[in-house]
């Protein structure tokens, strides 16, 4: 049951939303799985070949300080679809489903006349028929999705029907997305296409063609590097197809990773995936929209995956009702009118475990059952309980590792065995977060502590269902 949220059309650039598709951009959101900030040629990796990403970094917007909302995958994906921190909806770790009560980007854009499609990794709930948290229940008209990361020759769910596919893992969702986009172009309908890759999540199994690019390296590196090159190849196919489809100028293409990288040496700072330090959160991000962004731009403002939702809503002329929103619109930044973020940015790794979601195993079971004319009786995997708010969280303890970014400063709050400790870093001067300033700048730290605590209490209110 969706919450009673009202979305209204407003005038955008003097044009009412009732006008035709040409007045609104097509939108493609692409995302990697576990790619670190430094796992790109354009960010300085000395080995990995990413010519297509590198070309886009020179042509569009290159975000040098872009953050995943969380240091692991499912939570960040929830943030993209809602503009809200994932803890607000109980997506604490990998495998936790999005709450059906949340109103998603796909649902909102449908009110503005968009067709919506999801292709690739989902990891926000089941991809089976009848689930309240499959992509269809979350607003996607078409979806060919996997419950988690997947490898070459995967079994995917086509709106609940298991299909065995053959091909390189990153090319498959791109081909599916392009088929969807071609149909929408012919129908003169604007679209949202979400393309979420399963790479370079381990185990790394590159195609022979991509691994061969790194033949002089050990097998493990061939496969890791090859998966990223495979993703680059697929992304290049997607980007290059926009011209022949006649939609390149008026298509907004936005790419990022879902969390920090696997290799500490190529992350965006201290730590790696799973960490609230920079290495777990800072990710590569690129944006291109030739009709509006006519010159290359390097964005140094700190931005977040929660910003994607409010940015797109402003661009298409839809506004949402007033519930807590963690992201901000980046339209002024994209128009060259903003250089500093006015609103603080919160992170919070809530303690607890992820939920095992073995895509290959579960999809093989589904394929076998459906081939025999049946559906597996596994209500737990459908996540029928996803919308039930069964637990009330208390707002005084605030466990785990949280952080608050204000300007160029980042404050950490860590709770271990009931004891709270704090750290403060100046990110421009100390990206490695090694020189703690919490005592030296006590007044600044005090203000940031207050802001972080207020934000965490707001998150708990949402988590306890007060927004619905």
Protein backbone atom coordinates (compact mmCIF):
# COMPACT_ATOMS: atom_id res chain seq x y z
CA UNK A 1 0.00 0.00 0.00
CA UNK A 2 1.55 3.29 -1.08
CA UNK A 3 1.48 6.28 1.23
CA UNK A 4 -0.91 9.12 0.45
CA UNK A 5 1.60 11.31 -1.35
CA UNK A 6 0.42 13.84 -3.89
CA UNK A 7 2.61 14.75 -6.84
CA UNK A 8 1.62 17.76 -8.88
CA UNK A 9 2.63 19.03 -12.30
CA UNK A 10 4.13 22.49 -12.35
CA UNK A 11 5.36 24.79 -15.07
CA UNK A 12 8.90 23.95 -16.17
CA UNK A 13 10.78 26.53 -18.23
CA UNK A 14 7.39 28.09 -19.02
CA UNK A 15 5.97 24.89 -20.50
CA UNK A 16 3.22 22.89 -18.84
CA UNK A 17 3.71 19.17 -18.39
CA UNK A 18 0.76 18.49 -20.65
CA UNK A 19 2.99 19.19 -23.65
CA UNK A 20 4.72 16.50 -25.69
CA UNK A 21 7.73 14.33 -25.00
CA UNK A 22 10.16 16.62 -26.83
CA UNK A 23 9.84 19.10 -23.96
CA UNK A 24 11.27 16.68 -21.42
CA UNK A 25 14.56 14.78 -21.46
CA UNK A 26 14.79 11.05 -21.68
CA UNK A 27 16.60 9.78 -18.60
CA UNK A 28 19.10 6.92 -18.29
CA UNK A 29 20.52 6.05 -14.88
CA UNK A 30 23.42 3.60 -15.02
CA UNK A 31 25.21 2.20 -12.00
CA UNK A 32 28.19 -0.05 -11.33
CA UNK A 33 28.38 -2.61 -8.55
CA UNK A 34 31.45 -2.08 -6.31
CA UNK A 35 33.49 0.17 -8.61
CA UNK A 36 35.87 2.39 -6.66
CA UNK A 37 36.55 6.03 -7.44
CA UNK A 38 40.01 5.10 -8.71
CA UNK A 39 38.88 2.21 -10.91
CA UNK A 40 38.75 4.45 -13.99
CA UNK A 41 41.25 5.59 -16.54
CA UNK A 42 40.14 9.21 -16.16
CA UNK A 43 40.70 9.12 -12.37
CA UNK A 44 44.25 7.90 -12.84
CA UNK A 45 44.25 4.10 -12.79
CA UNK A 46 47.41 3.03 -14.56
CA UNK A 47 46.10 -0.27 -15.92
CA UNK A 48 42.31 -0.38 -16.30
CA UNK A 49 41.13 0.66 -19.77
CA UNK A 50 37.90 2.69 -19.73
CA UNK A 51 37.94 4.69 -22.98
CA UNK A 52 34.16 5.26 -23.09
CA UNK A 53 33.92 6.52 -19.52
CA UNK A 54 37.01 8.64 -20.14
CA UNK A 55 35.39 10.20 -23.23
CA UNK A 56 32.27 11.06 -21.27
CA UNK A 57 34.37 12.62 -18.49
CA UNK A 58 35.76 15.03 -21.08
CA UNK A 59 32.41 15.82 -22.70
CA UNK A 60 29.93 16.23 -19.85
CA UNK A 61 29.91 16.76 -16.10
CA UNK A 62 32.63 15.04 -14.10
CA UNK A 63 31.78 14.86 -10.42
CA UNK A 64 35.01 14.80 -8.43
CA UNK A 65 33.28 14.57 -5.03
CA UNK A 66 30.26 12.34 -5.52
CA UNK A 67 29.09 10.09 -2.69
CA UNK A 68 27.07 6.92 -2.46
CA UNK A 69 24.47 7.33 0.27
CA UNK A 70 25.77 4.14 1.89
CA UNK A 71 28.95 2.04 1.77
CA UNK A 72 27.12 -1.06 0.46
CA UNK A 73 24.85 -1.73 -2.48
CA UNK A 74 21.13 -2.14 -1.65
CA UNK A 75 20.96 0.97 0.55
CA UNK A 76 22.47 3.20 -2.12
CA UNK A 77 20.07 1.85 -4.73
CA UNK A 78 17.16 2.70 -2.43
CA UNK A 79 18.53 6.25 -2.11
CA UNK A 80 18.56 6.71 -5.89
CA UNK A 81 14.91 5.71 -6.19
CA UNK A 82 13.65 7.83 -3.28
CA UNK A 83 16.01 10.75 -2.64
CA UNK A 84 16.08 9.62 0.99
CA UNK A 85 18.68 8.02 3.21
CA UNK A 86 18.11 4.25 3.09
CA UNK A 87 17.87 3.92 6.89
CA UNK A 88 14.61 5.88 6.67
CA UNK A 89 13.05 2.82 5.02
CA UNK A 90 14.96 0.08 6.81
CA UNK A 91 17.37 -0.75 3.97
CA UNK A 92 20.30 -1.03 6.37
CA UNK A 93 22.51 -3.45 4.47
CA UNK A 94 22.65 -5.58 1.30
CA UNK A 95 19.56 -7.64 0.56
CA UNK A 96 17.15 -5.57 2.66
CA UNK A 97 14.05 -4.74 0.58
CA UNK A 98 12.71 -1.28 -0.09
CA UNK A 99 9.46 -0.56 1.74
CA UNK A 100 6.40 -0.63 -0.52
CA UNK A 101 5.26 2.57 1.19
CA UNK A 102 8.11 4.51 -0.39
CA UNK A 103 7.18 6.41 -3.54
CA UNK A 104 9.88 5.79 -6.14
CA UNK A 105 11.35 7.84 -8.95
CA UNK A 106 9.75 5.50 -11.47
CA UNK A 107 6.31 6.05 -9.96
CA UNK A 108 6.72 9.81 -9.89
CA UNK A 109 7.96 10.05 -13.47
CA UNK A 110 5.00 8.01 -14.65
CA UNK A 111 2.77 10.84 -13.42
CA UNK A 112 4.69 13.06 -15.85
CA UNK A 113 4.02 10.72 -18.78
CA UNK A 114 7.26 8.73 -18.73
CA UNK A 115 7.62 5.07 -19.63
CA UNK A 116 9.84 3.28 -17.14
CA UNK A 117 12.18 0.30 -17.41
CA UNK A 118 14.63 -1.46 -15.12
CA UNK A 119 17.42 -3.67 -16.49
CA UNK A 120 20.06 -5.60 -14.56
CA UNK A 121 20.70 -5.83 -10.83
CA UNK A 122 17.76 -5.01 -8.56
CA UNK A 123 18.68 -6.09 -5.00
CA UNK A 124 15.82 -4.17 -3.40
CA UNK A 125 13.55 -7.15 -3.00
CA UNK A 126 12.20 -10.09 -4.97
CA UNK A 127 12.10 -10.23 -8.77
CA UNK A 128 9.29 -12.78 -8.74
CA UNK A 129 5.65 -12.29 -9.68
CA UNK A 130 3.38 -11.23 -6.86
CA UNK A 131 6.04 -9.60 -4.72
CA UNK A 132 5.27 -6.14 -3.29
CA UNK A 133 8.92 -5.19 -3.78
CA UNK A 134 9.70 -6.35 -7.30
CA UNK A 135 10.56 -3.69 -9.89
CA UNK A 136 7.01 -3.72 -11.28
CA UNK A 137 5.55 -2.98 -7.84
CA UNK A 138 8.08 -0.16 -7.57
CA UNK A 139 6.88 1.64 -10.68
CA UNK A 140 8.69 0.01 -13.61
CA UNK A 141 6.55 -0.81 -16.63
CA UNK A 142 9.14 -3.18 -18.06
CA UNK A 143 11.85 -5.01 -16.17
CA UNK A 144 14.38 -7.69 -16.90
CA UNK A 145 16.15 -7.96 -13.60
CA UNK A 146 18.28 -10.06 -11.28
CA UNK A 147 17.77 -10.29 -7.52
CA UNK A 148 21.47 -9.47 -6.96
CA UNK A 149 24.73 -9.30 -8.91
CA UNK A 150 25.07 -11.78 -11.75
CA UNK A 151 27.73 -13.09 -14.10
CA UNK A 152 27.97 -13.94 -17.82
CA UNK A 153 25.15 -16.06 -19.28
CA UNK A 154 22.76 -15.26 -16.42
CA UNK A 155 19.17 -16.23 -15.72
CA UNK A 156 17.09 -13.07 -15.40
CA UNK A 157 13.50 -12.30 -14.48
CA UNK A 158 11.43 -10.79 -17.30
CA UNK A 159 8.53 -9.41 -15.30
CA UNK A 160 8.56 -12.53 -13.17
CA UNK A 161 9.34 -15.09 -15.87
CA UNK A 162 12.79 -16.66 -15.62
CA UNK A 163 14.79 -16.51 -18.84
CA UNK A 164 18.19 -17.98 -19.59
CA UNK A 165 20.32 -15.38 -21.35
CA UNK A 166 23.60 -15.77 -23.21
CA UNK A 167 26.22 -13.06 -23.30
CA UNK A 168 28.61 -10.82 -21.40
CA UNK A 169 26.99 -9.69 -18.17
CA UNK A 170 27.13 -5.94 -18.80
CA UNK A 171 26.07 -6.09 -22.45
CA UNK A 172 22.86 -7.98 -21.64
CA UNK A 173 21.10 -5.19 -19.68
CA UNK A 174 22.32 -2.61 -22.19
CA UNK A 175 20.80 -4.56 -25.08
CA UNK A 176 17.54 -4.93 -23.15
CA UNK A 177 17.50 -1.23 -22.34
CA UNK A 178 18.20 -0.27 -25.96
CA UNK A 179 15.31 -2.42 -27.18
CA UNK A 180 13.04 -0.67 -24.67
CA UNK A 181 14.33 2.76 -25.66
CA UNK A 182 13.83 2.09 -29.36
CA UNK A 183 10.18 1.20 -28.77
CA UNK A 184 9.65 4.36 -26.72
CA UNK A 185 11.27 6.54 -29.37
CA UNK A 186 8.93 5.09 -32.00
CA UNK A 187 5.99 5.76 -29.69
CA UNK A 188 7.21 9.35 -29.10
CA UNK A 189 7.19 8.76 -25.35
CA UNK A 190 9.82 10.02 -22.89
CA UNK A 191 11.42 7.29 -20.84
CA UNK A 192 13.34 6.46 -17.69
CA UNK A 193 15.74 3.55 -18.24
CA UNK A 194 17.57 2.27 -15.16
CA UNK A 195 20.56 0.12 -16.11
CA UNK A 196 22.24 -1.40 -13.08
CA UNK A 197 25.28 -3.52 -13.89
CA UNK A 198 26.40 -6.53 -11.84
CA UNK A 199 30.09 -5.68 -12.25
CA UNK A 200 32.72 -5.54 -10.88
CA UNK A 201 31.24 -7.42 -7.92
CA UNK A 202 33.11 -10.62 -7.06
CA UNK A 203 33.61 -13.35 -8.07
CA UNK A 204 35.26 -11.68 -11.01
CA UNK A 205 34.65 -13.59 -14.23
CA UNK A 206 35.48 -11.48 -17.25
CA UNK A 207 34.71 -12.53 -20.80
CA UNK A 208 37.69 -13.94 -22.68
CA UNK A 209 37.72 -10.88 -24.93
CA UNK A 210 37.93 -8.40 -22.04
CA UNK A 211 40.35 -10.50 -19.97
CA UNK A 212 42.70 -10.69 -22.95
CA UNK A 213 43.32 -6.95 -22.64
CA UNK A 214 45.25 -7.73 -19.46
CA UNK A 215 47.01 -10.94 -20.52
CA UNK A 216 50.31 -10.02 -18.85
CA UNK A 217 48.68 -9.89 -15.41
CA UNK A 218 47.71 -12.76 -13.08
CA UNK A 219 44.30 -14.37 -13.65
CA UNK A 220 42.65 -12.58 -10.73
CA UNK A 221 43.61 -9.19 -12.11
CA UNK A 222 42.66 -10.17 -15.65
CA UNK A 223 39.17 -10.95 -14.45
CA UNK A 224 38.78 -7.93 -12.17
CA UNK A 225 40.11 -5.45 -14.71
CA UNK A 226 38.27 -7.27 -17.49
CA UNK A 227 34.91 -6.91 -15.75
CA UNK A 228 35.38 -3.14 -15.56
CA UNK A 229 36.46 -3.00 -19.21
CA UNK A 230 33.42 -5.11 -20.09
CA UNK A 231 31.20 -2.61 -18.33
CA UNK A 232 32.96 0.23 -20.17
CA UNK A 233 32.37 -1.52 -23.50
CA UNK A 234 28.68 -1.99 -22.70
CA UNK A 235 28.31 1.58 -21.49
CA UNK A 236 29.96 2.80 -24.68
CA UNK A 237 27.43 0.84 -26.73
CA UNK A 238 24.61 2.46 -24.77
CA UNK A 239 26.01 5.96 -25.12
CA UNK A 240 26.87 5.60 -28.79
CA UNK A 241 23.38 4.31 -29.65
CA UNK A 242 21.73 7.57 -28.59
CA UNK A 243 22.84 9.30 -31.80
CA UNK A 244 21.34 6.79 -34.26
CA UNK A 245 18.16 6.76 -32.17
CA UNK A 246 17.94 10.52 -32.67
CA UNK A 247 17.79 11.26 -28.93
CA UNK A 248 21.35 12.09 -27.98
CA UNK A 249 20.84 15.82 -27.41
CA UNK A 250 17.77 15.51 -25.22
CA UNK A 251 18.79 12.46 -23.17
CA UNK A 252 20.20 12.87 -19.69
CA UNK A 253 22.69 10.06 -19.05
CA UNK A 254 23.87 9.73 -15.43
CA UNK A 255 26.43 7.17 -14.26
CA UNK A 256 27.84 6.34 -10.84
CA UNK A 257 28.86 3.43 -8.61
CA UNK A 258 26.83 2.11 -5.68
CA UNK A 259 29.62 2.20 -3.07
CA UNK A 260 33.34 2.44 -2.64
CA UNK A 261 35.67 -0.03 -4.29
CA UNK A 262 37.01 -3.43 -3.36
CA UNK A 263 40.67 -2.49 -3.63
CA UNK A 264 41.93 -0.04 -1.01
CA UNK A 265 44.56 1.30 -3.41
CA UNK A 266 41.94 2.54 -5.90
CA UNK A 267 39.21 3.93 -3.65
CA UNK A 268 38.43 7.58 -3.08
CA UNK A 269 40.22 7.80 0.26
CA UNK A 270 40.60 5.95 3.55
CA UNK A 271 38.92 2.54 3.72
CA UNK A 272 36.93 0.69 1.07
CA UNK A 273 33.51 -0.88 0.51
CA UNK A 274 31.65 -1.11 3.83
CA UNK A 275 33.41 1.86 5.42
CA UNK A 276 31.93 5.27 6.28
CA UNK A 277 35.34 6.79 5.62
CA UNK A 278 35.85 8.31 2.16
CA UNK A 279 37.00 5.08 0.53
CA UNK A 280 33.65 3.43 1.21
CA UNK A 281 31.50 6.31 -0.01
CA UNK A 282 33.24 8.43 -2.64
CA UNK A 283 32.51 7.03 -6.09
CA UNK A 284 33.00 7.87 -9.77
CA UNK A 285 30.11 9.80 -11.31
CA UNK A 286 29.46 11.33 -14.72
CA UNK A 287 26.53 13.13 -16.33
CA UNK A 288 25.80 14.15 -19.90
CA UNK A 289 22.90 16.09 -21.42
CA UNK A 290 24.03 17.93 -24.56
CA UNK A 291 20.84 19.98 -24.99
CA UNK A 292 21.35 21.70 -21.66
CA UNK A 293 24.97 21.13 -20.66
CA UNK A 294 26.84 22.40 -23.69
CA UNK A 295 30.34 22.62 -22.25
CA UNK A 296 32.41 20.16 -20.20
CA UNK A 297 32.27 20.80 -16.49
CA UNK A 298 34.17 19.57 -13.43
CA UNK A 299 31.83 19.67 -10.43
CA UNK A 300 33.73 20.02 -7.19
CA UNK A 301 30.66 20.46 -5.00
CA UNK A 302 29.98 17.44 -2.81
CA UNK A 303 27.00 15.55 -4.20
CA UNK A 304 25.15 12.39 -3.27
CA UNK A 305 23.08 9.62 -4.82
CA UNK A 306 20.14 11.03 -2.84
CA UNK A 307 20.40 14.13 -5.06
CA UNK A 308 19.42 12.22 -8.20
CA UNK A 309 15.71 12.04 -7.30
CA UNK A 310 15.11 15.76 -6.51
CA UNK A 311 17.25 16.85 -9.45
CA UNK A 312 15.21 14.85 -11.93
CA UNK A 313 11.91 15.94 -10.40
CA UNK A 314 12.83 19.59 -10.84
CA UNK A 315 13.97 19.01 -14.41
CA UNK A 316 10.72 17.36 -15.50
CA UNK A 317 8.50 19.74 -13.55
CA UNK A 318 7.08 17.60 -10.79
CA UNK A 319 7.13 18.44 -7.11
CA UNK A 320 6.48 16.11 -4.23
CA UNK A 321 4.69 16.50 -0.93
CA UNK A 322 6.67 17.53 2.09
CA UNK A 323 8.22 14.48 3.73
CA UNK A 324 11.87 14.37 4.83
CA UNK A 325 14.17 14.43 1.81
CA UNK A 326 17.92 14.04 2.20
CA UNK A 327 18.93 14.93 -1.33
CA UNK A 328 18.90 18.34 -2.97
CA UNK A 329 18.32 19.38 -6.55
CA UNK A 330 21.53 19.88 -8.49
CA UNK A 331 19.91 21.88 -11.29
CA UNK A 332 21.62 25.11 -10.23
CA UNK A 333 24.96 23.28 -10.18
CA UNK A 334 24.37 21.87 -13.65
CA UNK A 335 23.45 25.34 -14.90
CA UNK A 336 26.73 26.75 -13.52
CA UNK A 337 24.98 28.82 -10.84
CA UNK A 338 26.07 26.95 -7.69
CA UNK A 339 29.48 25.93 -6.38
CA UNK A 340 28.88 25.07 -2.72
CA UNK A 341 26.37 22.72 -1.10
CA UNK A 342 24.07 24.63 1.24
CA UNK A 343 22.71 21.55 3.03
CA UNK A 344 24.67 19.09 5.14
CA UNK A 345 25.03 15.46 4.11
CA UNK A 346 24.44 12.58 6.52
CA UNK A 347 25.65 8.97 6.47
CA UNK A 348 24.81 6.18 8.86
CA UNK A 349 25.93 2.56 8.78
CA UNK A 350 23.44 0.95 11.13
CA UNK A 351 24.81 -2.22 12.77
CA UNK A 352 23.38 -5.50 11.55
CA UNK A 353 23.73 -8.13 8.89
CA UNK A 354 22.92 -8.22 5.24
CA UNK A 355 20.45 -10.71 3.79
CA UNK A 356 21.79 -13.48 1.58
CA UNK A 357 20.49 -13.09 -1.97
CA UNK A 358 22.15 -15.66 -4.28
CA UNK A 359 20.93 -14.63 -7.72
CA UNK A 360 22.26 -17.61 -9.68
CA UNK A 361 20.85 -20.16 -7.23
CA UNK A 362 17.42 -18.59 -6.85
CA UNK A 363 16.94 -17.85 -10.54
CA UNK A 364 17.96 -21.41 -11.49
CA UNK A 365 15.30 -22.73 -9.09
CA UNK A 366 12.70 -20.41 -10.58
CA UNK A 367 13.59 -21.38 -14.15
CA UNK A 368 13.32 -25.07 -13.35
CA UNK A 369 9.99 -24.68 -11.55
CA UNK A 370 8.43 -22.54 -14.26
CA UNK A 371 9.60 -24.95 -16.96
CA UNK A 372 7.59 -27.60 -15.11
CA UNK A 373 4.56 -25.32 -15.01
CA UNK A 374 4.84 -24.31 -11.36
CA UNK A 375 5.95 -21.47 -9.12
CA UNK A 376 8.13 -22.29 -6.08
CA UNK A 377 6.20 -21.96 -2.84
CA UNK A 378 8.66 -19.71 -1.04
CA UNK A 379 6.72 -16.78 0.46
CA UNK A 380 9.81 -15.63 2.35
CA UNK A 381 11.59 -14.91 -0.92
CA UNK A 382 8.66 -12.83 -2.16
CA UNK A 383 9.18 -10.55 0.86
CA UNK A 384 5.46 -10.26 1.50
CA UNK A 385 6.28 -8.74 4.89
CA UNK A 386 8.34 -5.91 3.41
CA UNK A 387 5.80 -3.19 4.19
CA UNK A 388 5.16 -4.20 7.77
CA UNK A 389 6.77 -1.90 10.30
CA UNK A 390 7.08 -4.42 13.07
CA UNK A 391 9.82 -2.81 15.15
CA UNK A 392 10.05 0.61 16.75
CA UNK A 393 13.58 1.97 16.99
CA UNK A 394 14.66 4.11 19.89
CA UNK A 395 16.14 7.56 19.17
CA UNK A 396 18.59 7.90 22.06
CA UNK A 397 21.15 5.17 21.43
CA UNK A 398 21.79 5.78 17.68
CA UNK A 399 24.19 2.84 17.26
CA UNK A 400 26.78 2.25 14.55
CA UNK A 401 29.05 4.55 12.58
CA UNK A 402 27.56 7.82 11.30
CA UNK A 403 29.06 10.89 9.66
CA UNK A 404 28.08 14.41 8.73
CA UNK A 405 29.62 16.45 5.92
CA UNK A 406 29.28 20.23 6.07
CA UNK A 407 31.26 22.11 3.46
CA UNK A 408 34.71 20.55 3.42
CA UNK A 409 34.50 19.14 6.94
CA UNK A 410 33.43 15.64 7.87
CA UNK A 411 32.48 14.61 11.39
CA UNK A 412 32.39 10.94 12.42
CA UNK A 413 30.31 9.53 15.28
CA UNK A 414 31.16 5.96 16.31
CA UNK A 415 29.50 3.86 18.98
CA UNK A 416 31.42 0.89 20.34
CA UNK A 417 30.28 -1.01 23.42
CA UNK A 418 27.99 1.86 24.30
CA UNK A 419 30.75 4.47 24.17
CA UNK A 420 30.55 7.34 21.67
CA UNK A 421 33.69 8.72 20.04
CA UNK A 422 34.07 11.55 17.54
CA UNK A 423 36.52 12.46 14.77
CA UNK A 424 36.66 15.56 12.57
CA UNK A 425 38.55 15.96 9.29
CA UNK A 426 39.02 18.66 6.68
CA UNK A 427 38.53 16.73 3.47
CA UNK A 428 40.24 19.13 1.08
CA UNK A 429 43.42 19.15 3.13
CA UNK A 430 43.18 15.58 4.41
CA UNK A 431 41.32 13.26 2.04
CA UNK A 432 42.90 10.32 3.84
CA UNK A 433 41.16 11.35 7.09
CA UNK A 434 44.29 10.97 9.18
CA UNK A 435 44.54 14.28 11.11
CA UNK A 436 41.71 14.46 13.66
CA UNK A 437 40.63 18.07 14.35
CA UNK A 438 37.84 17.37 16.83
CA UNK A 439 39.67 18.97 19.77
CA UNK A 440 41.40 21.68 17.78
CA UNK A 441 38.10 22.86 16.29
CA UNK A 442 35.80 22.13 19.20
CA UNK A 443 33.28 24.86 18.37
CA UNK A 444 32.84 23.67 14.78
CA UNK A 445 32.61 20.07 15.97
CA UNK A 446 29.91 21.00 18.48
CA UNK A 447 27.72 22.54 15.78
CA UNK A 448 28.19 19.54 13.51
CA UNK A 449 27.45 17.12 16.37
CA UNK A 450 24.14 18.85 16.91
CA UNK A 451 23.28 18.75 13.20
CA UNK A 452 24.18 15.06 12.91
CA UNK A 453 22.18 14.08 16.00
CA UNK A 454 19.13 16.03 14.81
CA UNK A 455 19.36 14.34 11.43
CA UNK A 456 19.72 10.86 12.95
CA UNK A 457 16.64 11.42 15.08
CA UNK A 458 14.73 12.46 11.95
CA UNK A 459 15.87 9.24 10.28
CA UNK A 460 14.58 7.22 13.24
CA UNK A 461 11.19 8.95 12.97
CA UNK A 462 10.97 7.91 9.32
CA UNK A 463 12.16 4.40 10.14
CA UNK A 464 9.37 4.11 12.70
CA UNK A 465 6.79 4.95 10.04
CA UNK A 466 5.98 8.58 10.84
CA UNK A 467 6.26 9.65 7.19
CA UNK A 468 3.55 7.31 5.93
